[in-house]
PDB file of N, CA and C in Angstrom:
ATOM      1  N   MET A   1      13.093 -14.275  15.719  1.00  0.00           N
ATOM      2  CA  MET A   1      11.718 -13.944  15.467  1.00  0.00           C
ATOM      3  C   MET A   1      10.902 -13.700  16.778  1.00  0.00           C
ATOM      4  N   ILE A   2      10.184 -12.565  16.604  1.00  0.00           N
ATOM      5  CA  ILE A   2       9.198 -12.359  17.848  1.00  0.00           C
ATOM      6  C   ILE A   2       7.808 -12.277  17.294  1.00  0.00           C
ATOM      7  N   GLN A   3       6.863 -12.353  18.086  1.00  0.00           N
ATOM      8  CA  GLN A   3       5.444 -12.303  17.814  1.00  0.00           C
ATOM      9  C   GLN A   3       4.913 -10.946  18.399  1.00  0.00           C
ATOM     10  N   VAL A   4       4.341 -10.178  17.492  1.00  0.00           N
ATOM     11  CA  VAL A   4       3.677  -8.760  17.870  1.00  0.00           C
ATOM     12  C   VAL A   4       2.116  -8.965  17.380  1.00  0.00           C
ATOM     13  N   ASP A   5       1.175  -8.960  18.463  1.00  0.00           N
ATOM     14  CA  ASP A   5      -0.188  -9.168  18.094  1.00  0.00           C
ATOM     15  C   ASP A   5      -0.334 -10.268  17.219  1.00  0.00           C
ATOM     16  N   ASP A   6       0.247 -11.386  17.258  1.00  0.00           N
ATOM     17  CA  ASP A   6      -0.008 -12.681  16.555  1.00  0.00           C
ATOM     18  C   ASP A   6       0.709 -12.540  15.120  1.00  0.00           C
ATOM     19  N   LYS A   7       1.598 -11.622  14.992  1.00  0.00           N
ATOM     20  CA  LYS A   7       2.231 -11.501  13.588  1.00  0.00           C
ATOM     21  C   LYS A   7       3.789 -11.593  13.932  1.00  0.00           C
ATOM     22  N   PRO A   8       4.437 -12.460  12.986  1.00  0.00           N
ATOM     23  CA  PRO A   8       6.024 -12.365  13.089  1.00  0.00           C
ATOM     24  C   PRO A   8       6.645 -11.233  12.850  1.00  0.00           C
ATOM     25  N   VAL A   9       7.611 -10.900  13.546  1.00  0.00           N
ATOM     26  CA  VAL A   9       8.442  -9.626  13.315  1.00  0.00           C
ATOM     27  C   VAL A   9       9.874 -10.084  13.533  1.00  0.00           C
ATOM     28  N   GLN A  10      10.810  -9.572  12.566  1.00  0.00           N
ATOM     29  CA  GLN A  10      12.213  -9.795  12.673  1.00  0.00           C
ATOM     30  C   GLN A  10      12.774  -9.374  14.177  1.00  0.00           C
ATOM     31  N   TRP A  11      13.563 -10.078  14.650  1.00  0.00           N
ATOM     32  CA  TRP A  11      14.183  -9.730  16.061  1.00  0.00           C
ATOM     33  C   TRP A  11      15.653  -9.504  15.761  1.00  0.00           C
ATOM     34  N   SER A  12      16.164  -8.556  16.438  1.00  0.00           N
ATOM     35  CA  SER A  12      17.803  -8.293  16.389  1.00  0.00           C
ATOM     36  C   SER A  12      18.078  -8.259  17.871  1.00  0.00           C
ATOM     37  N   LYS A  13      19.396  -8.646  18.162  1.00  0.00           N
ATOM     38  CA  LYS A  13      19.931  -8.605  19.429  1.00  0.00           C
ATOM     39  C   LYS A  13      20.171  -7.087  19.862  1.00  0.00           C
ATOM     40  N   GLY A  14      19.793  -6.825  20.982  1.00  0.00           N
ATOM     41  CA  GLY A  14      19.693  -5.498  21.522  1.00  0.00           C
ATOM     42  C   GLY A  14      18.522  -4.660  21.213  1.00  0.00           C
ATOM     43  N   MET A  15      17.591  -5.249  20.763  1.00  0.00           N
ATOM     44  CA  MET A  15      16.247  -4.643  20.377  1.00  0.00           C
ATOM     45  C   MET A  15      15.596  -4.184  21.565  1.00  0.00           C
ATOM     46  N   THR A  16      15.120  -3.013  21.588  1.00  0.00           N
ATOM     47  CA  THR A  16      14.157  -2.531  22.642  1.00  0.00           C
ATOM     48  C   THR A  16      12.947  -2.275  22.160  1.00  0.00           C
ATOM     49  N   VAL A  17      11.909  -1.999  23.154  1.00  0.00           N
ATOM     50  CA  VAL A  17      10.583  -1.797  22.682  1.00  0.00           C
ATOM     51  C   VAL A  17      10.467  -0.651  21.873  1.00  0.00           C
ATOM     52  N   ALA A  18      11.207   0.366  22.286  1.00  0.00           N
ATOM     53  CA  ALA A  18      11.266   1.619  21.534  1.00  0.00           C
ATOM     54  C   ALA A  18      11.653   1.363  19.950  1.00  0.00           C
ATOM     55  N   ASP A  19      12.644   0.693  19.903  1.00  0.00           N
ATOM     56  CA  ASP A  19      13.155   0.202  18.532  1.00  0.00           C
ATOM     57  C   ASP A  19      12.147  -0.539  17.757  1.00  0.00           C
ATOM     58  N   LEU A  20      11.413  -1.455  18.406  1.00  0.00           N
ATOM     59  CA  LEU A  20      10.427  -2.267  17.681  1.00  0.00           C
ATOM     60  C   LEU A  20       9.120  -1.121  17.290  1.00  0.00           C
ATOM     61  N   LEU A  21       8.771  -0.294  18.070  1.00  0.00           N
ATOM     62  CA  LEU A  21       7.621   0.614  17.837  1.00  0.00           C
ATOM     63  C   LEU A  21       8.104   1.637  16.689  1.00  0.00           C
ATOM     64  N   GLU A  22       9.379   1.969  16.609  1.00  0.00           N
ATOM     65  CA  GLU A  22       9.794   2.825  15.537  1.00  0.00           C
ATOM     66  C   GLU A  22       9.786   2.170  14.112  1.00  0.00           C
ATOM     67  N   GLN A  23       9.752   0.949  14.142  1.00  0.00           N
ATOM     68  CA  GLN A  23       9.659   0.267  12.778  1.00  0.00           C
ATOM     69  C   GLN A  23       8.324  -0.263  12.394  1.00  0.00           C
ATOM     70  N   MET A  24       7.202   0.120  13.257  1.00  0.00           N
ATOM     71  CA  MET A  24       5.972  -0.419  13.010  1.00  0.00           C
ATOM     72  C   MET A  24       5.058   0.734  12.746  1.00  0.00           C
ATOM     73  N   ASP A  25       4.048   0.511  11.846  1.00  0.00           N
ATOM     74  CA  ASP A  25       3.071   1.526  11.442  1.00  0.00           C
ATOM     75  C   ASP A  25       1.898   1.531  12.499  1.00  0.00           C
ATOM     76  N   ASN A  26       1.257   2.748  12.599  1.00  0.00           N
ATOM     77  CA  ASN A  26       0.110   2.905  13.525  1.00  0.00           C
ATOM     78  C   ASN A  26       0.240   2.702  15.022  1.00  0.00           C
ATOM     79  N   VAL A  27       1.233   2.877  15.552  1.00  0.00           N
ATOM     80  CA  VAL A  27       1.426   2.752  16.906  1.00  0.00           C
ATOM     81  C   VAL A  27       1.813   3.883  17.773  1.00  0.00           C
ATOM     82  N   ARG A  28       1.433   5.084  17.035  1.00  0.00           N
ATOM     83  CA  ARG A  28       1.746   6.288  17.701  1.00  0.00           C
ATOM     84  C   ARG A  28       1.127   6.578  19.128  1.00  0.00           C
ATOM     85  N   PHE A  29       0.009   5.925  19.414  1.00  0.00           N
ATOM     86  CA  PHE A  29      -0.731   6.113  20.674  1.00  0.00           C
ATOM     87  C   PHE A  29      -0.601   4.876  21.582  1.00  0.00           C
ATOM     88  N   CYS A  30       0.517   3.944  21.307  1.00  0.00           N
ATOM     89  CA  CYS A  30       0.669   2.990  22.209  1.00  0.00           C
ATOM     90  C   CYS A  30       1.427   3.324  23.416  1.00  0.00           C
ATOM     91  N   SER A  31       0.902   3.334  24.543  1.00  0.00           N
ATOM     92  CA  SER A  31       1.376   3.650  25.817  1.00  0.00           C
ATOM     93  C   SER A  31       1.969   2.645  26.676  1.00  0.00           C
ATOM     94  N   VAL A  32       1.424   1.286  26.527  1.00  0.00           N
ATOM     95  CA  VAL A  32       1.808   0.089  27.168  1.00  0.00           C
ATOM     96  C   VAL A  32       1.919  -1.026  26.328  1.00  0.00           C
ATOM     97  N   VAL A  33       2.806  -1.642  26.608  1.00  0.00           N
ATOM     98  CA  VAL A  33       2.833  -3.036  25.791  1.00  0.00           C
ATOM     99  C   VAL A  33       3.048  -4.202  26.919  1.00  0.00           C
ATOM    100  N   ARG A  34       2.716  -5.343  26.464  1.00  0.00           N
ATOM    101  CA  ARG A  34       2.649  -6.553  27.396  1.00  0.00           C
ATOM    102  C   ARG A  34       3.755  -7.422  26.707  1.00  0.00           C
ATOM    103  N   LEU A  35       4.781  -7.471  27.475  1.00  0.00           N
ATOM    104  CA  LEU A  35       6.088  -8.279  27.026  1.00  0.00           C
ATOM    105  C   LEU A  35       6.193  -9.582  27.684  1.00  0.00           C
ATOM    106  N   ASN A  36       5.897 -10.695  27.116  1.00  0.00           N
ATOM    107  CA  ASN A  36       5.771 -11.892  27.698  1.00  0.00           C
ATOM    108  C   ASN A  36       4.986 -11.966  29.080  1.00  0.00           C
ATOM    109  N   GLY A  37       3.911 -11.306  28.976  1.00  0.00           N
ATOM    110  CA  GLY A  37       2.955 -11.255  30.108  1.00  0.00           C
ATOM    111  C   GLY A  37       3.168 -10.166  31.083  1.00  0.00           C
ATOM    112  N   ARG A  38       4.283  -9.483  30.919  1.00  0.00           N
ATOM    113  CA  ARG A  38       4.602  -8.387  31.736  1.00  0.00           C
ATOM    114  C   ARG A  38       4.374  -6.954  31.206  1.00  0.00           C
ATOM    115  N   LEU A  39       3.666  -6.082  31.770  1.00  0.00           N
ATOM    116  CA  LEU A  39       3.460  -4.736  31.528  1.00  0.00           C
ATOM    117  C   LEU A  39       4.515  -3.765  31.468  1.00  0.00           C
ATOM    118  N   VAL A  40       4.892  -2.949  30.317  1.00  0.00           N
ATOM    119  CA  VAL A  40       5.952  -2.266  30.223  1.00  0.00           C
ATOM    120  C   VAL A  40       5.293  -0.820  29.751  1.00  0.00           C
ATOM    121  N   SER A  41       5.393   0.088  30.526  1.00  0.00           N
ATOM    122  CA  SER A  41       4.865   1.457  30.111  1.00  0.00           C
ATOM    123  C   SER A  41       5.897   2.372  29.287  1.00  0.00           C
ATOM    124  N   SER A  42       5.472   3.194  28.556  1.00  0.00           N
ATOM    125  CA  SER A  42       6.149   4.159  27.758  1.00  0.00           C
ATOM    126  C   SER A  42       7.441   4.728  28.169  1.00  0.00           C
ATOM    127  N   PRO A  43       7.428   4.918  29.526  1.00  0.00           N
ATOM    128  CA  PRO A  43       8.876   5.704  30.256  1.00  0.00           C
ATOM    129  C   PRO A  43      10.045   4.526  29.951  1.00  0.00           C
ATOM    130  N   LYS A  44       9.578   3.400  29.981  1.00  0.00           N
ATOM    131  CA  LYS A  44      10.595   2.253  30.032  1.00  0.00           C
ATOM    132  C   LYS A  44      10.982   1.593  28.569  1.00  0.00           C
ATOM    133  N   PHE A  45      10.131   2.233  27.579  1.00  0.00           N
ATOM    134  CA  PHE A  45      10.450   1.456  26.271  1.00  0.00           C
ATOM    135  C   PHE A  45      11.773   1.553  25.679  1.00  0.00           C
ATOM    136  N   HIS A  46      12.588   2.777  26.123  1.00  0.00           N
ATOM    137  CA  HIS A  46      14.086   2.756  25.676  1.00  0.00           C
ATOM    138  C   HIS A  46      14.952   1.762  26.340  1.00  0.00           C
ATOM    139  N   GLU A  47      14.658   1.505  27.440  1.00  0.00           N
ATOM    140  CA  GLU A  47      15.489   0.594  28.276  1.00  0.00           C
ATOM    141  C   GLU A  47      15.140  -0.758  28.419  1.00  0.00           C
ATOM    142  N   THR A  48      14.007  -1.088  27.830  1.00  0.00           N
ATOM    143  CA  THR A  48      13.513  -2.594  27.981  1.00  0.00           C
ATOM    144  C   THR A  48      14.003  -3.361  26.647  1.00  0.00           C
ATOM    145  N   LEU A  49      14.799  -4.290  26.997  1.00  0.00           N
ATOM    146  CA  LEU A  49      15.179  -5.253  25.846  1.00  0.00           C
ATOM    147  C   LEU A  49      14.167  -6.262  25.550  1.00  0.00           C
ATOM    148  N   ILE A  50      14.068  -6.492  24.482  1.00  0.00           N
ATOM    149  CA  ILE A  50      13.151  -7.674  23.986  1.00  0.00           C
ATOM    150  C   ILE A  50      13.855  -8.904  23.611  1.00  0.00           C
ATOM    151  N   PRO A  51      13.650  -9.988  24.461  1.00  0.00           N
ATOM    152  CA  PRO A  51      14.383 -11.211  24.246  1.00  0.00           C
ATOM    153  C   PRO A  51      13.886 -11.915  23.000  1.00  0.00           C
ATOM    154  N   LYS A  52      14.784 -12.769  22.442  1.00  0.00           N
ATOM    155  CA  LYS A  52      14.407 -13.672  21.307  1.00  0.00           C
ATOM    156  C   LYS A  52      13.079 -14.471  21.582  1.00  0.00           C
ATOM    157  N   ASP A  53      12.285 -14.676  20.545  1.00  0.00           N
ATOM    158  CA  ASP A  53      11.030 -15.498  20.627  1.00  0.00           C
ATOM    159  C   ASP A  53      10.018 -14.739  21.636  1.00  0.00           C
ATOM    160  N   ALA A  54      10.108 -13.546  21.889  1.00  0.00           N
ATOM    161  CA  ALA A  54       9.148 -12.824  22.749  1.00  0.00           C
ATOM    162  C   ALA A  54       7.771 -12.823  22.058  1.00  0.00           C
ATOM    163  N   VAL A  55       6.776 -12.738  23.008  1.00  0.00           N
ATOM    164  CA  VAL A  55       5.385 -12.417  22.745  1.00  0.00           C
ATOM    165  C   VAL A  55       5.097 -11.167  23.240  1.00  0.00           C
ATOM    166  N   ILE A  56       4.550 -10.292  22.322  1.00  0.00           N
ATOM    167  CA  ILE A  56       4.289  -8.821  22.527  1.00  0.00           C
ATOM    168  C   ILE A  56       2.762  -8.564  22.093  1.00  0.00           C
ATOM    169  N   ARG A  57       2.003  -7.975  23.055  1.00  0.00           N
ATOM    170  CA  ARG A  57       0.759  -7.307  22.772  1.00  0.00           C
ATOM    171  C   ARG A  57       0.859  -5.899  22.913  1.00  0.00           C
ATOM    172  N   LEU A  58       0.444  -5.222  21.832  1.00  0.00           N
ATOM    173  CA  LEU A  58       0.401  -3.554  21.879  1.00  0.00           C
ATOM    174  C   LEU A  58      -0.927  -3.220  22.454  1.00  0.00           C
ATOM    175  N   LEU A  59      -0.749  -2.369  23.563  1.00  0.00           N
ATOM    176  CA  LEU A  59      -2.106  -1.819  24.189  1.00  0.00           C
ATOM    177  C   LEU A  59      -2.166  -0.425  23.847  1.00  0.00           C
ATOM    178  N   PRO A  60      -3.005   0.037  23.098  1.00  0.00           N
ATOM    179  CA  PRO A  60      -3.172   1.453  22.620  1.00  0.00           C
ATOM    180  C   PRO A  60      -3.829   2.262  23.993  1.00  0.00           C
ATOM    181  N   LEU A  61      -3.556   3.470  23.782  1.00  0.00           N
ATOM    182  CA  LEU A  61      -3.974   4.398  24.899  1.00  0.00           C
ATOM    183  C   LEU A  61      -5.554   4.534  24.655  1.00  0.00           C
ATOM    184  N   VAL A  62      -6.289   4.378  25.702  1.00  0.00           N
ATOM    185  CA  VAL A  62      -7.768   4.430  25.619  1.00  0.00           C
ATOM    186  C   VAL A  62      -8.070   5.495  26.680  1.00  0.00           C
ATOM    187  N   ALA A  63      -9.019   6.283  26.335  1.00  0.00           N
ATOM    188  CA  ALA A  63      -9.500   7.384  27.332  1.00  0.00           C
ATOM    189  C   ALA A  63     -11.073   7.226  27.256  1.00  0.00           C
ATOM    190  N   GLY A  64     -11.641   7.420  28.321  1.00  0.00           N
ATOM    191  CA  GLY A  64     -12.948   7.621  28.397  1.00  0.00           C
ATOM    192  C   GLY A  64     -13.477   8.154  29.833  1.00  0.00           C
ATOM    193  N   GLY A  65     -14.874   8.118  29.951  1.00  0.00           N
ATOM    194  CA  GLY A  65     -15.367   8.696  31.195  1.00  0.00           C
ATOM    195  C   GLY A  65     -16.455   8.120  31.558  1.00  0.00           C
TER     196      GLY A  65
END
């Protein structure tokens, strides 16, 4: 099991950040996640493995001026 924004999510061996985001709703504009305190940007989502018991925070794209 992993925690995504304080909610439990089923974990599977070999799961990447991209795999996680594909199974979640309303994360289309997520460009960065915090994985166990480390920032991971969208170009690395497909290669970044999620360890068991990970804590993930979704950081949506924010624009402004």
